[in-house]
Amino acid sequence: MQADQVRVCSPSKDELSEAIRMLREQDFGVVLRFRNQAGNHRH
């Protein structure tokens, strides 16, 4: 977690899609936004 953000990283697009699906099924009482930063990672 980073302040009001949660970062999920995986080399598998399927795993990331599953994580997003699971999060969308929950009611956290806040608006969830998802952003793809595939080209912005650091080594």
PDB file of N, CA and C in Angstrom:
ATOM      1  N   MET A   1       0.843  -1.176   0.000  1.00  0.00           N
ATOM      2  CA  MET A   1       0.000   0.000   0.000  1.00  0.00           C
ATOM      3  C   MET A   1       0.886   1.237   0.000  1.00  0.00           C
ATOM      4  N   GLN A   2       0.447   2.229  -0.710  1.00  0.00           N
ATOM      5  CA  GLN A   2       1.169   3.491  -0.793  1.00  0.00           C
ATOM      6  C   GLN A   2       0.148   4.603  -0.618  1.00  0.00           C
ATOM      7  N   ALA A   3       0.081   5.173   0.584  1.00  0.00           N
ATOM      8  CA  ALA A   3      -0.916   6.210   0.899  1.00  0.00           C
ATOM      9  C   ALA A   3      -2.299   5.648   0.613  1.00  0.00           C
ATOM     10  N   ASP A   4      -2.979   6.161  -0.397  1.00  0.00           N
ATOM     11  CA  ASP A   4      -4.313   5.666  -0.735  1.00  0.00           C
ATOM     12  C   ASP A   4      -4.297   4.773  -1.968  1.00  0.00           C
ATOM     13  N   GLN A   5      -3.142   4.168  -2.249  1.00  0.00           N
ATOM     14  CA  GLN A   5      -3.010   3.305  -3.421  1.00  0.00           C
ATOM     15  C   GLN A   5      -2.528   1.919  -3.011  1.00  0.00           C
ATOM     16  N   VAL A   6      -2.969   0.938  -3.768  1.00  0.00           N
ATOM     17  CA  VAL A   6      -2.473  -0.434  -3.625  1.00  0.00           C
ATOM     18  C   VAL A   6      -1.867  -0.809  -4.958  1.00  0.00           C
ATOM     19  N   ARG A   7      -0.647  -1.303  -4.946  1.00  0.00           N
ATOM     20  CA  ARG A   7       0.023  -1.710  -6.184  1.00  0.00           C
ATOM     21  C   ARG A   7       0.108  -3.230  -6.220  1.00  0.00           C
ATOM     22  N   VAL A   8      -0.331  -3.784  -7.334  1.00  0.00           N
ATOM     23  CA  VAL A   8      -0.264  -5.230  -7.548  1.00  0.00           C
ATOM     24  C   VAL A   8       0.617  -5.453  -8.764  1.00  0.00           C
ATOM     25  N   CYS A   9       1.642  -6.262  -8.610  1.00  0.00           N
ATOM     26  CA  CYS A   9       2.583  -6.530  -9.703  1.00  0.00           C
ATOM     27  C   CYS A   9       2.630  -8.025  -9.987  1.00  0.00           C
ATOM     28  N   SER A  10       2.670  -8.358 -11.256  1.00  0.00           N
ATOM     29  CA  SER A  10       2.816  -9.748 -11.668  1.00  0.00           C
ATOM     30  C   SER A  10       3.219  -9.766 -13.140  1.00  0.00           C
ATOM     31  N   PRO A  11       4.075 -10.679 -13.527  1.00  0.00           N
ATOM     32  CA  PRO A  11       4.391 -10.809 -14.947  1.00  0.00           C
ATOM     33  C   PRO A  11       3.232 -11.436 -15.731  1.00  0.00           C
ATOM     34  N   SER A  12       2.260 -12.011 -15.014  1.00  0.00           N
ATOM     35  CA  SER A  12       1.133 -12.684 -15.656  1.00  0.00           C
ATOM     36  C   SER A  12      -0.074 -11.753 -15.770  1.00  0.00           C
ATOM     37  N   LYS A  13      -0.502 -11.473 -16.987  1.00  0.00           N
ATOM     38  CA  LYS A  13      -1.709 -10.661 -17.197  1.00  0.00           C
ATOM     39  C   LYS A  13      -2.931 -11.363 -16.622  1.00  0.00           C
ATOM     40  N   ASP A  14      -2.956 -12.691 -16.686  1.00  0.00           N
ATOM     41  CA  ASP A  14      -4.088 -13.441 -16.147  1.00  0.00           C
ATOM     42  C   ASP A  14      -4.202 -13.241 -14.636  1.00  0.00           C
ATOM     43  N   GLU A  15      -3.085 -13.258 -13.924  1.00  0.00           N
ATOM     44  CA  GLU A  15      -3.113 -13.043 -12.476  1.00  0.00           C
ATOM     45  C   GLU A  15      -3.576 -11.629 -12.135  1.00  0.00           C
ATOM     46  N   LEU A  16      -3.127 -10.645 -12.904  1.00  0.00           N
ATOM     47  CA  LEU A  16      -3.557  -9.270 -12.669  1.00  0.00           C
ATOM     48  C   LEU A  16      -5.046  -9.122 -12.946  1.00  0.00           C
ATOM     49  N   SER A  17      -5.536  -9.725 -14.002  1.00  0.00           N
ATOM     50  CA  SER A  17      -6.967  -9.684 -14.313  1.00  0.00           C
ATOM     51  C   SER A  17      -7.784 -10.330 -13.198  1.00  0.00           C
ATOM     52  N   GLU A  18      -7.298 -11.415 -12.665  1.00  0.00           N
ATOM     53  CA  GLU A  18      -7.985 -12.093 -11.557  1.00  0.00           C
ATOM     54  C   GLU A  18      -8.000 -11.217 -10.308  1.00  0.00           C
ATOM     55  N   ALA A  19      -6.902 -10.544 -10.008  1.00  0.00           N
ATOM     56  CA  ALA A  19      -6.848  -9.648  -8.846  1.00  0.00           C
ATOM     57  C   ALA A  19      -7.856  -8.510  -9.008  1.00  0.00           C
ATOM     58  N   ILE A  20      -7.934  -7.934 -10.204  1.00  0.00           N
ATOM     59  CA  ILE A  20      -8.895  -6.858 -10.464  1.00  0.00           C
ATOM     60  C   ILE A  20     -10.319  -7.376 -10.313  1.00  0.00           C
ATOM     61  N   ARG A  21     -10.581  -8.545 -10.838  1.00  0.00           N
ATOM     62  CA  ARG A  21     -11.922  -9.134 -10.723  1.00  0.00           C
ATOM     63  C   ARG A  21     -12.311  -9.320  -9.263  1.00  0.00           C
ATOM     64  N   MET A  22     -11.392  -9.850  -8.460  1.00  0.00           N
ATOM     65  CA  MET A  22     -11.669 -10.074  -7.042  1.00  0.00           C
ATOM     66  C   MET A  22     -11.920  -8.759  -6.305  1.00  0.00           C
ATOM     67  N   LEU A  23     -11.151  -7.737  -6.620  1.00  0.00           N
ATOM     68  CA  LEU A  23     -11.338  -6.434  -5.976  1.00  0.00           C
ATOM     69  C   LEU A  23     -12.678  -5.822  -6.357  1.00  0.00           C
ATOM     70  N   ARG A  24     -13.075  -5.952  -7.607  1.00  0.00           N
ATOM     71  CA  ARG A  24     -14.346  -5.381  -8.072  1.00  0.00           C
ATOM     72  C   ARG A  24     -15.547  -6.060  -7.427  1.00  0.00           C
ATOM     73  N   GLU A  25     -15.387  -7.306  -6.997  1.00  0.00           N
ATOM     74  CA  GLU A  25     -16.484  -8.033  -6.357  1.00  0.00           C
ATOM     75  C   GLU A  25     -16.773  -7.525  -4.943  1.00  0.00           C
ATOM     76  N   GLN A  26     -15.841  -6.815  -4.343  1.00  0.00           N
ATOM     77  CA  GLN A  26     -15.972  -6.340  -2.964  1.00  0.00           C
ATOM     78  C   GLN A  26     -16.545  -4.930  -2.918  1.00  0.00           C
ATOM     79  N   ASP A  27     -17.158  -4.590  -1.787  1.00  0.00           N
ATOM     80  CA  ASP A  27     -17.647  -3.229  -1.571  1.00  0.00           C
ATOM     81  C   ASP A  27     -16.772  -2.597  -0.496  1.00  0.00           C
ATOM     82  N   PHE A  28     -15.799  -1.808  -0.915  1.00  0.00           N
ATOM     83  CA  PHE A  28     -14.882  -1.154   0.010  1.00  0.00           C
ATOM     84  C   PHE A  28     -15.365   0.224   0.430  1.00  0.00           C
ATOM     85  N   GLY A  29     -16.461   0.687  -0.156  1.00  0.00           N
ATOM     86  CA  GLY A  29     -16.985   2.004   0.168  1.00  0.00           C
ATOM     87  C   GLY A  29     -16.199   3.141  -0.466  1.00  0.00           C
ATOM     88  N   VAL A  30     -15.353   2.821  -1.412  1.00  0.00           N
ATOM     89  CA  VAL A  30     -14.582   3.831  -2.142  1.00  0.00           C
ATOM     90  C   VAL A  30     -14.590   3.455  -3.621  1.00  0.00           C
ATOM     91  N   VAL A  31     -14.318   4.444  -4.456  1.00  0.00           N
ATOM     92  CA  VAL A  31     -14.227   4.189  -5.898  1.00  0.00           C
ATOM     93  C   VAL A  31     -12.871   3.547  -6.190  1.00  0.00           C
ATOM     94  N   LEU A  32     -12.889   2.437  -6.902  1.00  0.00           N
ATOM     95  CA  LEU A  32     -11.647   1.776  -7.296  1.00  0.00           C
ATOM     96  C   LEU A  32     -11.318   2.157  -8.727  1.00  0.00           C
ATOM     97  N   ARG A  33     -10.065   2.510  -8.960  1.00  0.00           N
ATOM     98  CA  ARG A  33      -9.573   2.796 -10.310  1.00  0.00           C
ATOM     99  C   ARG A  33      -8.365   1.918 -10.554  1.00  0.00           C
ATOM    100  N   PHE A  34      -8.244   1.435 -11.763  1.00  0.00           N
ATOM    101  CA  PHE A  34      -7.146   0.546 -12.131  1.00  0.00           C
ATOM    102  C   PHE A  34      -6.348   1.190 -13.248  1.00  0.00           C
ATOM    103  N   ARG A  35      -5.035   1.086 -13.136  1.00  0.00           N
ATOM    104  CA  ARG A  35      -4.151   1.709 -14.117  1.00  0.00           C
ATOM    105  C   ARG A  35      -3.075   0.700 -14.507  1.00  0.00           C
ATOM    106  N   ASN A  36      -2.813   0.604 -15.784  1.00  0.00           N
ATOM    107  CA  ASN A  36      -1.772  -0.273 -16.295  1.00  0.00           C
ATOM    108  C   ASN A  36      -0.481   0.530 -16.421  1.00  0.00           C
ATOM    109  N   GLN A  37       0.536   0.112 -15.711  1.00  0.00           N
ATOM    110  CA  GLN A  37       1.836   0.782 -15.783  1.00  0.00           C
ATOM    111  C   GLN A  37       2.884  -0.168 -16.336  1.00  0.00           C
ATOM    112  N   ALA A  38       2.502  -1.014 -17.263  1.00  0.00           N
ATOM    113  CA  ALA A  38       3.408  -2.036 -17.783  1.00  0.00           C
ATOM    114  C   ALA A  38       4.701  -1.458 -18.335  1.00  0.00           C
ATOM    115  N   GLY A  39       4.655  -0.300 -18.931  1.00  0.00           N
ATOM    116  CA  GLY A  39       5.865   0.274 -19.510  1.00  0.00           C
ATOM    117  C   GLY A  39       6.635   1.154 -18.558  1.00  0.00           C
ATOM    118  N   ASN A  40       6.150   1.300 -17.321  1.00  0.00           N
ATOM    119  CA  ASN A  40       6.756   2.233 -16.382  1.00  0.00           C
ATOM    120  C   ASN A  40       7.517   1.570 -15.237  1.00  0.00           C
ATOM    121  N   HIS A  41       7.856   0.290 -15.366  1.00  0.00           N
ATOM    122  CA  HIS A  41       8.537  -0.379 -14.264  1.00  0.00           C
ATOM    123  C   HIS A  41      10.044  -0.083 -14.286  1.00  0.00           C
ATOM    124  N   ARG A  42      10.643  -0.178 -13.122  1.00  0.00           N
ATOM    125  CA  ARG A  42      12.089   0.050 -12.994  1.00  0.00           C
ATOM    126  C   ARG A  42      12.781  -1.258 -12.681  1.00  0.00           C
ATOM    127  N   HIS A  43      13.995  -1.407 -13.119  1.00  0.00           N
ATOM    128  CA  HIS A  43      14.779  -2.620 -12.836  1.00  0.00           C
ATOM    129  C   HIS A  43      15.750  -2.343 -11.727  1.00  0.00           C
TER     130      HIS A  43
END
